[in-house]
């Protein structure tokens, strides 16, 4: 697991192209972070993003990143520290950009428009988990 402070922009470009699983804990995503990750880590299969921030504006930086994920990604998990019941700023347009071969998707805060988004989810999605996840729940890598 890698933890970053706000000045962590740009380092994704230095990761290995053969990386299969990445767990990140950071406050917010910089605009170039995920496009850099997609270009650099072409074999990435599992991405776990966790935000340290409780600020809505920091959490909002995660949604635009969905359109730039690595194409081979199979598992995506986004955990936020927003209090339970607060909505994750996510729209159908964000979900429609997910990699089409994605098999597992987990958002730990309730996306506010998910009922209108089900038809844009990746066709091969096998696991969809929305809402808070208890600490004892373990996510398995789906390589």
C-alpha atoms as a PDB file:
ATOM      1  CA  UNK A   1       0.000   0.000   0.000  1.00  0.00           C
ATOM      2  CA  UNK A   2       1.275   3.444  -0.891  1.00  0.00           C
ATOM      3  CA  UNK A   3       0.244   6.592   0.976  1.00  0.00           C
ATOM      4  CA  UNK A   4       0.630   9.968  -0.709  1.00  0.00           C
ATOM      5  CA  UNK A   5       0.349  13.545   0.425  1.00  0.00           C
ATOM      6  CA  UNK A   6      -1.130  16.251  -1.795  1.00  0.00           C
ATOM      7  CA  UNK A   7       2.225  16.798  -3.538  1.00  0.00           C
ATOM      8  CA  UNK A   8       2.206  13.280  -5.026  1.00  0.00           C
ATOM      9  CA  UNK A   9       1.261  14.302  -8.595  1.00  0.00           C
ATOM     10  CA  UNK A  10       3.273  12.807 -11.433  1.00  0.00           C
ATOM     11  CA  UNK A  11       4.862   9.826  -9.726  1.00  0.00           C
ATOM     12  CA  UNK A  12       2.521   7.294 -11.430  1.00  0.00           C
ATOM     13  CA  UNK A  13       4.601   7.552 -14.600  1.00  0.00           C
ATOM     14  CA  UNK A  14       7.493   5.850 -12.768  1.00  0.00           C
ATOM     15  CA  UNK A  15       5.645   2.642 -11.863  1.00  0.00           C
ATOM     16  CA  UNK A  16       6.362  -0.726 -13.455  1.00  0.00           C
ATOM     17  CA  UNK A  17       4.463  -1.710 -16.598  1.00  0.00           C
ATOM     18  CA  UNK A  18       4.148  -5.210 -15.079  1.00  0.00           C
ATOM     19  CA  UNK A  19       2.365  -4.116 -11.910  1.00  0.00           C
ATOM     20  CA  UNK A  20      -0.829  -6.154 -11.392  1.00  0.00           C
ATOM     21  CA  UNK A  21      -2.202  -4.756  -8.125  1.00  0.00           C
ATOM     22  CA  UNK A  22      -1.979  -1.262  -6.688  1.00  0.00           C
ATOM     23  CA  UNK A  23      -3.405  -0.038  -3.385  1.00  0.00           C
ATOM     24  CA  UNK A  24      -3.293   3.729  -2.886  1.00  0.00           C
ATOM     25  CA  UNK A  25      -4.249   5.876   0.070  1.00  0.00           C
ATOM     26  CA  UNK A  26      -4.319   9.565  -0.802  1.00  0.00           C
ATOM     27  CA  UNK A  27      -6.338  12.719  -0.231  1.00  0.00           C
ATOM     28  CA  UNK A  28      -7.271  13.545  -3.821  1.00  0.00           C
ATOM     29  CA  UNK A  29      -6.300  12.600  -7.353  1.00  0.00           C
ATOM     30  CA  UNK A  30      -4.487  15.080  -9.553  1.00  0.00           C
ATOM     31  CA  UNK A  31      -5.868  15.383 -13.115  1.00  0.00           C
ATOM     32  CA  UNK A  32      -2.951  13.497 -14.722  1.00  0.00           C
ATOM     33  CA  UNK A  33      -2.613  10.740 -12.113  1.00  0.00           C
ATOM     34  CA  UNK A  34      -4.907   8.092 -13.594  1.00  0.00           C
ATOM     35  CA  UNK A  35      -4.066   8.811 -17.269  1.00  0.00           C
ATOM     36  CA  UNK A  36      -0.377   8.393 -16.279  1.00  0.00           C
ATOM     37  CA  UNK A  37      -1.261   5.156 -14.506  1.00  0.00           C
ATOM     38  CA  UNK A  38      -3.117   3.816 -17.554  1.00  0.00           C
ATOM     39  CA  UNK A  39      -0.197   4.646 -19.872  1.00  0.00           C
ATOM     40  CA  UNK A  40       2.450   3.241 -17.541  1.00  0.00           C
ATOM     41  CA  UNK A  41       0.817   0.212 -15.882  1.00  0.00           C
ATOM     42  CA  UNK A  42      -0.642  -1.520 -18.908  1.00  0.00           C
ATOM     43  CA  UNK A  43      -0.952  -4.863 -17.067  1.00  0.00           C
ATOM     44  CA  UNK A  44      -2.740  -3.442 -14.011  1.00  0.00           C
ATOM     45  CA  UNK A  45      -5.607  -5.736 -12.997  1.00  0.00           C
ATOM     46  CA  UNK A  46      -6.588  -4.547  -9.501  1.00  0.00           C
ATOM     47  CA  UNK A  47      -6.822  -0.954  -8.290  1.00  0.00           C
ATOM     48  CA  UNK A  48      -7.805  -0.026  -4.751  1.00  0.00           C
ATOM     49  CA  UNK A  49      -8.116   3.698  -4.040  1.00  0.00           C
ATOM     50  CA  UNK A  50      -8.706   4.993  -0.554  1.00  0.00           C
ATOM     51  CA  UNK A  51      -9.054   8.655   0.381  1.00  0.00           C
ATOM     52  CA  UNK A  52      -7.753  10.092   3.638  1.00  0.00           C
ATOM     53  CA  UNK A  53      -9.814  13.224   3.156  1.00  0.00           C
ATOM     54  CA  UNK A  54     -13.327  13.952   4.348  1.00  0.00           C
ATOM     55  CA  UNK A  55     -13.645  16.990   2.050  1.00  0.00           C
ATOM     56  CA  UNK A  56     -16.251  16.619  -0.678  1.00  0.00           C
ATOM     57  CA  UNK A  57     -14.035  18.503  -3.168  1.00  0.00           C
ATOM     58  CA  UNK A  58     -11.217  15.960  -2.662  1.00  0.00           C
ATOM     59  CA  UNK A  59     -13.558  12.987  -3.041  1.00  0.00           C
ATOM     60  CA  UNK A  60     -14.973  14.547  -6.225  1.00  0.00           C
ATOM     61  CA  UNK A  61     -11.553  14.139  -7.892  1.00  0.00           C
ATOM     62  CA  UNK A  62     -12.056  10.365  -8.049  1.00  0.00           C
ATOM     63  CA  UNK A  63     -15.078  10.351 -10.405  1.00  0.00           C
ATOM     64  CA  UNK A  64     -13.340  11.950 -13.453  1.00  0.00           C
ATOM     65  CA  UNK A  65     -10.546   9.384 -13.110  1.00  0.00           C
ATOM     66  CA  UNK A  66     -12.934   6.586 -14.092  1.00  0.00           C
ATOM     67  CA  UNK A  67     -12.702   7.559 -17.754  1.00  0.00           C
ATOM     68  CA  UNK A  68      -8.921   6.978 -17.803  1.00  0.00           C
ATOM     69  CA  UNK A  69      -8.519   3.599 -16.108  1.00  0.00           C
ATOM     70  CA  UNK A  70      -6.202   0.942 -17.557  1.00  0.00           C
ATOM     71  CA  UNK A  71      -8.113  -1.132 -20.123  1.00  0.00           C
ATOM     72  CA  UNK A  72      -7.108  -4.484 -18.565  1.00  0.00           C
ATOM     73  CA  UNK A  73      -8.406  -3.535 -15.120  1.00  0.00           C
ATOM     74  CA  UNK A  74     -10.593  -6.267 -13.579  1.00  0.00           C
ATOM     75  CA  UNK A  75     -11.213  -5.001 -10.026  1.00  0.00           C
ATOM     76  CA  UNK A  76     -11.819  -1.423  -8.869  1.00  0.00           C
ATOM     77  CA  UNK A  77     -12.479  -0.355  -5.311  1.00  0.00           C
ATOM     78  CA  UNK A  78     -12.873   3.216  -4.079  1.00  0.00           C
ATOM     79  CA  UNK A  79     -13.131   3.829  -0.343  1.00  0.00           C
ATOM     80  CA  UNK A  80     -13.724   7.269   1.056  1.00  0.00           C
ATOM     81  CA  UNK A  81     -13.760   8.613   4.579  1.00  0.00           C
ATOM     82  CA  UNK A  82     -16.971  10.544   4.028  1.00  0.00           C
ATOM     83  CA  UNK A  83     -19.388   9.905   6.843  1.00  0.00           C
ATOM     84  CA  UNK A  84     -21.876   7.077   6.284  1.00  0.00           C
ATOM     85  CA  UNK A  85     -24.802   8.051   4.115  1.00  0.00           C
ATOM     86  CA  UNK A  86     -23.071  10.966   2.395  1.00  0.00           C
ATOM     87  CA  UNK A  87     -23.225  10.579  -1.345  1.00  0.00           C
ATOM     88  CA  UNK A  88     -20.248   9.944  -3.588  1.00  0.00           C
ATOM     89  CA  UNK A  89     -20.366  12.416  -6.520  1.00  0.00           C
ATOM     90  CA  UNK A  90     -20.730   9.929  -9.352  1.00  0.00           C
ATOM     91  CA  UNK A  91     -22.911  10.051 -12.476  1.00  0.00           C
ATOM     92  CA  UNK A  92     -23.880   7.661 -15.278  1.00  0.00           C
ATOM     93  CA  UNK A  93     -21.363   9.376 -17.569  1.00  0.00           C
ATOM     94  CA  UNK A  94     -18.568   8.444 -15.144  1.00  0.00           C
ATOM     95  CA  UNK A  95     -19.635   4.801 -14.935  1.00  0.00           C
ATOM     96  CA  UNK A  96     -20.061   4.491 -18.697  1.00  0.00           C
ATOM     97  CA  UNK A  97     -16.307   5.025 -19.074  1.00  0.00           C
ATOM     98  CA  UNK A  98     -15.296   2.054 -16.924  1.00  0.00           C
ATOM     99  CA  UNK A  99     -13.182  -0.617 -18.656  1.00  0.00           C
ATOM    100  CA  UNK A 100     -15.585  -2.975 -20.437  1.00  0.00           C
ATOM    101  CA  UNK A 101     -13.877  -6.076 -19.007  1.00  0.00           C
ATOM    102  CA  UNK A 102     -14.176  -4.931 -15.383  1.00  0.00           C
ATOM    103  CA  UNK A 103     -15.385  -7.828 -13.208  1.00  0.00           C
ATOM    104  CA  UNK A 104     -15.585  -6.289  -9.722  1.00  0.00           C
ATOM    105  CA  UNK A 105     -16.659  -2.806  -8.667  1.00  0.00           C
ATOM    106  CA  UNK A 106     -16.951  -1.453  -5.151  1.00  0.00           C
ATOM    107  CA  UNK A 107     -17.764   2.048  -3.935  1.00  0.00           C
ATOM    108  CA  UNK A 108     -17.813   2.393  -0.167  1.00  0.00           C
ATOM    109  CA  UNK A 109     -20.032   5.451  -0.154  1.00  0.00           C
ATOM    110  CA  UNK A 110     -23.427   5.450  -1.807  1.00  0.00           C
ATOM    111  CA  UNK A 111     -23.268   6.839  -5.362  1.00  0.00           C
ATOM    112  CA  UNK A 112     -26.246   9.188  -5.528  1.00  0.00           C
ATOM    113  CA  UNK A 113     -27.580   8.242  -8.945  1.00  0.00           C
ATOM    114  CA  UNK A 114     -26.744   4.545  -9.178  1.00  0.00           C
ATOM    115  CA  UNK A 115     -30.323   3.415  -9.965  1.00  0.00           C
ATOM    116  CA  UNK A 116     -30.053   5.386 -13.222  1.00  0.00           C
ATOM    117  CA  UNK A 117     -26.617   3.960 -13.975  1.00  0.00           C
ATOM    118  CA  UNK A 118     -27.134   0.219 -14.024  1.00  0.00           C
ATOM    119  CA  UNK A 119     -27.486   0.017 -17.805  1.00  0.00           C
ATOM    120  CA  UNK A 120     -24.049   1.619 -18.376  1.00  0.00           C
ATOM    121  CA  UNK A 121     -22.068  -0.740 -16.146  1.00  0.00           C
ATOM    122  CA  UNK A 122     -19.518  -3.007 -17.851  1.00  0.00           C
ATOM    123  CA  UNK A 123     -21.191  -6.077 -19.389  1.00  0.00           C
ATOM    124  CA  UNK A 124     -18.837  -8.577 -17.717  1.00  0.00           C
ATOM    125  CA  UNK A 125     -19.298  -7.174 -14.210  1.00  0.00           C
ATOM    126  CA  UNK A 126     -19.761 -10.057 -11.741  1.00  0.00           C
ATOM    127  CA  UNK A 127     -19.568  -8.227  -8.416  1.00  0.00           C
ATOM    128  CA  UNK A 128     -21.081  -4.859  -7.563  1.00  0.00           C
ATOM    129  CA  UNK A 129     -20.876  -3.590  -4.002  1.00  0.00           C
ATOM    130  CA  UNK A 130     -22.232  -0.195  -3.011  1.00  0.00           C
ATOM    131  CA  UNK A 131     -22.231   1.337   0.443  1.00  0.00           C
ATOM    132  CA  UNK A 132     -20.140   1.100   3.564  1.00  0.00           C
ATOM    133  CA  UNK A 133     -18.017  -2.016   3.975  1.00  0.00           C
ATOM    134  CA  UNK A 134     -17.335  -3.453   7.438  1.00  0.00           C
ATOM    135  CA  UNK A 135     -13.664  -3.836   8.436  1.00  0.00           C
ATOM    136  CA  UNK A 136     -13.924  -7.624   8.459  1.00  0.00           C
ATOM    137  CA  UNK A 137     -14.928  -7.700   4.780  1.00  0.00           C
ATOM    138  CA  UNK A 138     -11.894  -8.637   2.699  1.00  0.00           C
ATOM    139  CA  UNK A 139     -11.704  -7.981  -1.021  1.00  0.00           C
ATOM    140  CA  UNK A 140     -10.038 -10.691  -3.072  1.00  0.00           C
ATOM    141  CA  UNK A 141      -7.833  -9.898  -6.057  1.00  0.00           C
ATOM    142  CA  UNK A 142      -9.462 -11.064  -9.262  1.00  0.00           C
ATOM    143  CA  UNK A 143      -6.365 -11.415 -11.439  1.00  0.00           C
END
